[in-house]
Protein backbone atom coordinates (compact mmCIF):
# COMPACT_ATOMS: atom_id res chain seq x y z
CA MET A 1 -15.25 -2.26 156.72
CA LEU A 2 -16.32 -5.69 157.60
CA GLU A 3 -17.52 -6.82 161.15
CA LEU A 4 -18.45 -10.35 162.18
CA ASN A 5 -20.13 -10.50 165.66
CA ASN A 6 -20.70 -13.83 167.29
CA VAL A 7 -21.39 -15.58 164.02
CA GLU A 8 -22.66 -19.19 163.94
CA VAL A 9 -23.28 -21.31 160.67
CA LEU A 10 -25.20 -24.47 160.44
CA TYR A 11 -25.26 -27.02 157.62
CA SER A 12 -28.50 -29.11 156.89
CA ASP A 13 -29.80 -27.97 160.25
CA VAL A 14 -27.56 -30.39 161.88
CA ILE A 15 -23.62 -29.52 161.57
CA LEU A 16 -22.45 -26.48 163.41
CA ALA A 17 -19.48 -25.64 161.41
CA VAL A 18 -18.78 -22.05 162.64
CA LYS A 19 -19.26 -21.57 166.54
CA GLY A 20 -19.56 -18.02 167.34
CA ILE A 21 -16.72 -16.18 165.91
CA THR A 22 -16.15 -12.36 166.11
CA ALA A 23 -13.56 -10.77 163.75
CA THR A 24 -13.06 -7.35 162.02
CA VAL A 25 -11.48 -6.40 158.69
CA PRO A 26 -10.42 -2.65 158.78
CA GLU A 27 -10.61 -0.47 155.45
CA GLY A 28 -7.58 -0.59 153.39
CA LYS A 29 -6.00 -3.62 155.49
CA CYS A 30 -5.31 -7.00 154.77
CA VAL A 31 -6.62 -9.75 157.35
CA THR A 32 -5.91 -13.50 157.07
CA LEU A 33 -7.77 -16.50 158.37
CA LEU A 34 -5.48 -19.42 159.11
CA GLY A 35 -5.89 -22.88 160.23
CA ALA A 36 -5.99 -26.54 159.07
CA ASN A 37 -8.57 -28.25 156.66
CA GLY A 38 -11.92 -28.35 158.35
CA ALA A 39 -11.35 -25.50 160.66
CA GLY A 40 -14.30 -23.42 159.17
CA LYS A 41 -12.33 -20.83 157.35
CA SER A 42 -13.98 -21.34 153.91
CA THR A 43 -17.43 -21.52 155.61
CA THR A 44 -16.82 -18.18 157.05
CA LEU A 45 -16.20 -16.74 153.84
CA LYS A 46 -19.24 -18.29 152.29
CA ALA A 47 -21.39 -17.08 155.36
CA ILE A 48 -20.10 -13.45 154.55
CA SER A 49 -21.01 -13.49 150.82
CA ASN A 50 -24.14 -15.85 151.67
CA LEU A 51 -23.08 -18.39 148.98
CA ILE A 52 -23.39 -20.89 151.97
CA THR A 53 -27.06 -21.12 150.87
CA THR A 54 -26.02 -23.20 147.83
CA GLU A 55 -24.70 -25.79 150.14
CA ASP A 56 -27.74 -26.07 152.51
CA GLY A 57 -26.09 -23.87 154.98
CA ARG A 58 -27.21 -20.66 156.84
CA VAL A 59 -26.16 -18.20 159.56
CA THR A 60 -28.19 -18.99 162.51
CA ALA A 61 -26.68 -16.53 164.95
CA GLY A 62 -24.84 -13.27 165.17
CA THR A 63 -24.51 -10.53 162.55
CA ILE A 64 -22.42 -9.60 159.60
CA LYS A 65 -21.94 -5.85 158.72
CA LEU A 66 -20.39 -4.25 155.72
CA LYS A 67 -19.58 -0.62 156.11
CA GLY A 68 -22.01 -0.50 159.01
CA LYS A 69 -24.82 -2.10 157.14
CA ASP A 70 -26.21 -5.67 158.17
CA ILE A 71 -25.61 -8.03 155.19
CA THR A 72 -26.44 -11.23 157.20
CA GLY A 73 -28.32 -13.44 154.69
CA SER A 74 -28.38 -10.93 151.98
CA ASN A 75 -28.72 -11.84 148.38
CA PRO A 76 -25.13 -12.65 147.02
CA THR A 77 -25.82 -10.27 144.08
CA ASP A 78 -26.65 -7.34 146.43
CA VAL A 79 -23.53 -8.18 148.42
CA VAL A 80 -21.51 -7.62 145.27
CA ARG A 81 -23.20 -4.37 144.55
CA GLN A 82 -22.28 -3.30 148.00
CA GLY A 83 -18.67 -3.68 147.03
CA LEU A 84 -17.75 -7.18 148.39
CA VAL A 85 -16.48 -9.94 146.01
CA HIS A 86 -15.75 -13.53 147.02
CA VAL A 87 -13.12 -15.42 145.13
CA MET A 88 -13.75 -19.04 145.86
CA GLU A 89 -11.23 -21.84 146.30
CA GLY A 90 -10.42 -23.90 143.29
CA ARG A 91 -9.77 -21.29 140.58
CA LYS A 92 -13.40 -21.55 139.12
CA VAL A 93 -12.64 -20.16 135.70
CA LEU A 94 -15.10 -20.48 132.88
CA ARG A 95 -12.86 -23.05 131.08
CA HIS A 96 -14.17 -22.96 127.59
CA MET A 97 -14.22 -19.22 127.42
CA THR A 98 -11.20 -16.89 126.52
CA VAL A 99 -9.43 -14.74 129.30
CA GLU A 100 -11.11 -11.71 128.24
CA GLN A 101 -14.69 -13.28 128.10
CA ASN A 102 -14.11 -14.35 131.71
CA LEU A 103 -13.23 -10.83 132.63
CA VAL A 104 -16.37 -9.37 130.96
CA VAL A 105 -18.53 -11.83 132.85
CA GLY A 106 -17.05 -10.28 135.90
CA GLY A 107 -18.05 -6.84 134.97
CA HIS A 108 -21.64 -7.73 133.76
CA MET A 109 -23.45 -5.48 136.25
CA GLY A 110 -22.15 -2.40 134.34
CA SER A 111 -22.71 -0.99 130.89
CA ALA A 112 -20.71 -2.04 127.68
CA SER A 113 -18.69 1.22 127.91
CA GLU A 114 -17.87 0.71 131.53
CA ALA A 115 -16.73 -2.91 130.75
CA LYS A 116 -14.16 -1.58 128.28
CA GLU A 117 -13.01 0.87 130.78
CA LYS A 118 -12.72 -1.77 133.45
CA LEU A 119 -10.97 -4.28 131.21
CA ASP A 120 -8.21 -1.37 130.56
CA GLU A 121 -7.80 -1.06 134.32
CA VAL A 122 -7.51 -4.76 134.94
CA TYR A 123 -4.95 -5.38 132.08
CA SER A 124 -2.95 -2.37 133.38
CA ARG A 125 -2.80 -4.01 136.96
CA VAL A 126 -2.39 -7.61 135.73
CA THR A 127 -0.22 -7.26 132.80
CA ARG A 128 0.37 -11.13 132.25
CA LEU A 129 -3.25 -11.28 131.32
CA ALA A 130 -3.24 -8.66 128.59
CA ALA A 131 -0.98 -11.03 126.60
CA LEU A 132 -3.28 -14.01 127.22
CA ARG A 133 -6.59 -12.26 126.50
CA THR A 134 -7.52 -14.49 123.63
CA ARG A 135 -6.32 -17.78 125.31
CA THR A 136 -8.90 -20.31 126.29
CA ALA A 137 -8.96 -20.09 130.18
CA GLY A 138 -8.88 -23.87 130.51
CA TYR A 139 -5.51 -24.07 128.97
CA LEU A 140 -3.89 -21.67 131.51
CA SER A 141 -1.57 -22.74 134.11
CA GLY A 142 -2.81 -23.00 137.65
CA GLY A 143 -1.02 -19.67 138.57
CA GLU A 144 -2.57 -18.01 135.47
CA GLN A 145 -6.09 -19.17 136.34
CA GLN A 146 -5.68 -17.91 139.91
CA MET A 147 -4.54 -14.43 138.60
CA LEU A 148 -7.47 -14.52 136.25
CA VAL A 149 -10.29 -15.17 138.89
CA ILE A 150 -8.63 -12.39 141.05
CA ALA A 151 -8.64 -10.18 138.11
CA ARG A 152 -12.28 -11.08 137.29
CA ALA A 153 -13.21 -10.06 140.86
CA LEU A 154 -11.62 -6.60 140.21
CA MET A 155 -14.08 -6.05 137.16
CA SER A 156 -16.81 -5.09 139.50
CA ARG A 157 -14.60 -2.42 141.20
CA PRO A 158 -14.90 -3.93 144.65
CA LYS A 159 -13.99 -2.24 147.96
CA LEU A 160 -13.17 -5.50 149.71
CA VAL A 161 -12.08 -8.87 148.08
CA MET A 162 -12.25 -12.15 150.00
CA ILE A 163 -9.93 -14.91 148.55
CA ASP A 164 -10.01 -18.47 149.39
CA GLU A 165 -6.59 -20.40 149.21
CA PRO A 166 -4.94 -18.25 146.57
CA SER A 167 -1.71 -20.35 146.84
CA LEU A 168 -3.26 -23.94 146.82
CA GLY A 169 -1.52 -26.20 144.38
CA LEU A 170 0.85 -23.49 143.04
CA ALA A 171 4.52 -23.69 142.44
CA PRO A 172 6.73 -21.45 144.76
CA LEU A 173 7.54 -18.92 141.81
CA MET A 174 3.87 -18.67 140.97
CA ILE A 175 2.88 -18.14 144.65
CA GLU A 176 5.31 -15.28 144.71
CA GLU A 177 3.72 -13.82 141.52
CA VAL A 178 0.20 -14.15 142.79
CA TYR A 179 0.97 -12.68 146.34
CA GLY A 180 2.93 -9.89 144.38
CA LEU A 181 -0.37 -9.08 142.68
CA LEU A 182 -2.22 -9.12 146.02
CA ARG A 183 0.53 -6.89 147.60
CA ASP A 184 -0.01 -4.43 144.67
CA LEU A 185 -3.81 -4.48 145.33
CA LYS A 186 -3.40 -3.78 148.98
CA SER A 187 -1.04 -0.96 148.26
CA SER A 188 -3.79 0.62 146.11
CA GLY A 189 -6.04 0.88 148.95
CA LEU A 190 -8.15 -2.37 148.32
CA THR A 191 -9.14 -4.12 151.54
CA LEU A 192 -8.37 -7.99 151.47
CA LEU A 193 -9.61 -11.05 153.58
CA ILE A 194 -7.55 -14.12 152.82
CA VAL A 195 -8.13 -17.70 153.78
CA GLU A 196 -4.80 -19.58 153.59
CA GLN A 197 -2.99 -22.81 154.86
CA ASN A 198 0.23 -21.29 153.62
CA THR A 199 0.68 -19.58 156.97
CA ARG A 200 4.04 -18.01 155.91
CA VAL A 201 3.04 -16.12 152.96
CA ALA A 202 -0.34 -15.07 154.31
CA LEU A 203 1.48 -13.40 157.41
CA ASP A 204 4.08 -11.64 155.19
CA LEU A 205 1.15 -9.79 153.43
CA ALA A 206 -1.47 -9.49 156.03
CA ASP A 207 -1.58 -6.82 158.83
CA TYR A 208 -3.64 -9.00 161.24
CA GLY A 209 -4.49 -12.51 161.52
CA TYR A 210 -7.03 -14.99 163.16
CA VAL A 211 -6.16 -18.62 163.76
CA MET A 212 -9.22 -21.00 163.57
CA GLU A 213 -9.79 -24.57 164.70
CA SER A 214 -12.93 -26.56 164.85
CA GLY A 215 -15.22 -23.66 163.79
CA ARG A 216 -13.59 -21.32 166.59
CA ILE A 217 -11.20 -18.51 166.69
CA VAL A 218 -8.42 -19.72 169.00
CA LEU A 219 -5.70 -17.04 168.55
CA GLU A 220 -5.52 -13.65 166.85
CA GLY A 221 -3.07 -10.72 166.57
CA ALA A 222 -0.98 -8.54 164.39
CA SER A 223 0.87 -10.64 161.92
CA SER A 224 4.10 -9.53 163.47
CA SER A 225 3.30 -10.93 166.68
CA LEU A 226 1.77 -14.13 165.26
CA LYS A 227 5.02 -14.91 163.31
CA THR A 228 6.82 -14.97 166.64
CA ASN A 229 4.23 -16.67 168.72
CA GLU A 230 5.66 -20.02 169.69
CA ASP A 231 2.63 -22.07 168.99
CA VAL A 232 2.01 -20.50 165.47
CA ARG A 233 5.71 -21.20 164.79
CA GLU A 234 5.25 -24.73 165.88
CA PHE A 235 1.97 -25.82 164.66
CA TYR A 236 1.71 -23.80 161.44
CA LEU A 237 5.23 -22.84 160.40
CA GLY A 238 6.72 -26.15 161.44
CA LEU A 239 9.52 -24.50 163.18
CA THR A 240 11.10 -25.23 166.67
CA VAL A 241 11.44 -22.56 169.36
CA GLU A 242 15.08 -22.07 168.05
CA GLY A 243 13.89 -21.47 164.44
CA GLU A 244 14.94 -24.92 163.13
CA ARG A 245 12.56 -26.90 160.74
CA LYS A 246 10.60 -29.73 162.44
CA SER A 247 11.61 -33.28 161.37
CA PHE A 248 8.76 -35.75 160.66
CA ARG A 249 9.66 -37.76 163.67
CA ASP A 250 8.57 -34.85 165.82
CA MET A 251 5.21 -34.46 164.06
CA LYS A 252 3.14 -36.71 166.52
CA HIS A 253 4.74 -35.21 169.36
CA TYR A 254 3.85 -31.53 168.71
CA ARG A 255 0.35 -32.42 167.51
CA ARG A 256 -0.27 -34.03 170.95
CA ARG A 257 1.04 -30.74 172.60
CA LYS A 258 -1.54 -28.85 170.60
CA ARG A 259 -3.85 -28.42 173.71
CA TRP A 260 -4.32 -24.76 173.45
CA LEU A 261 -6.59 -25.32 170.51
CA GLY A 262 -9.37 -27.05 172.31
């Protein structure tokens, strides 16, 4: 469904943030981009949706195709109309509006009658929000806000949803609930591209993963193979080869060994 071919992204005509990545997101599957802060994961999503232009960035090489159509540098509104929605990092709710008003904004491209129909669909999928429809979004918990921005994305009836750091700053129980929602969406046939630093939960959901470092893809594979990869276990899951937790004293040692990510 989504294809990136040798994509490069430049900020302010100076900083090369993404350095020729190639990746594929098949229809109906979940793919995850993994890596540390500054690896280029969020920049990749912004390049796909072309929200990169709001940060003085642009795609300078390569192509991005959605369902076979080149969308490189397309207007973000047109990208949404073609079925791709980008849920950005930071739970960007409209804080002074109610839950339902936030959702209606997400469905603004359709008619009023369609908006009502979409609301019913979203409330049936995200039942927690149905009970909070009149609550001011700014007073929701972090997990509830994350569910709200995902639900708002669903109001445009997308074919593919890109989500940036859905577990960031959430308590473990709320992470389970948010990922439970994502699992249900995947089961319904929705295609997902997820950026995560929480490698464990991402690989539990994803079918395939790409590991990014310094703007490049340095490792890729089925999630089952990445879970058992010695380097992924050590550098991203914090486990020894024997499956034990790494101690803080081991931190510097295994970071020095991280030479395969050059």
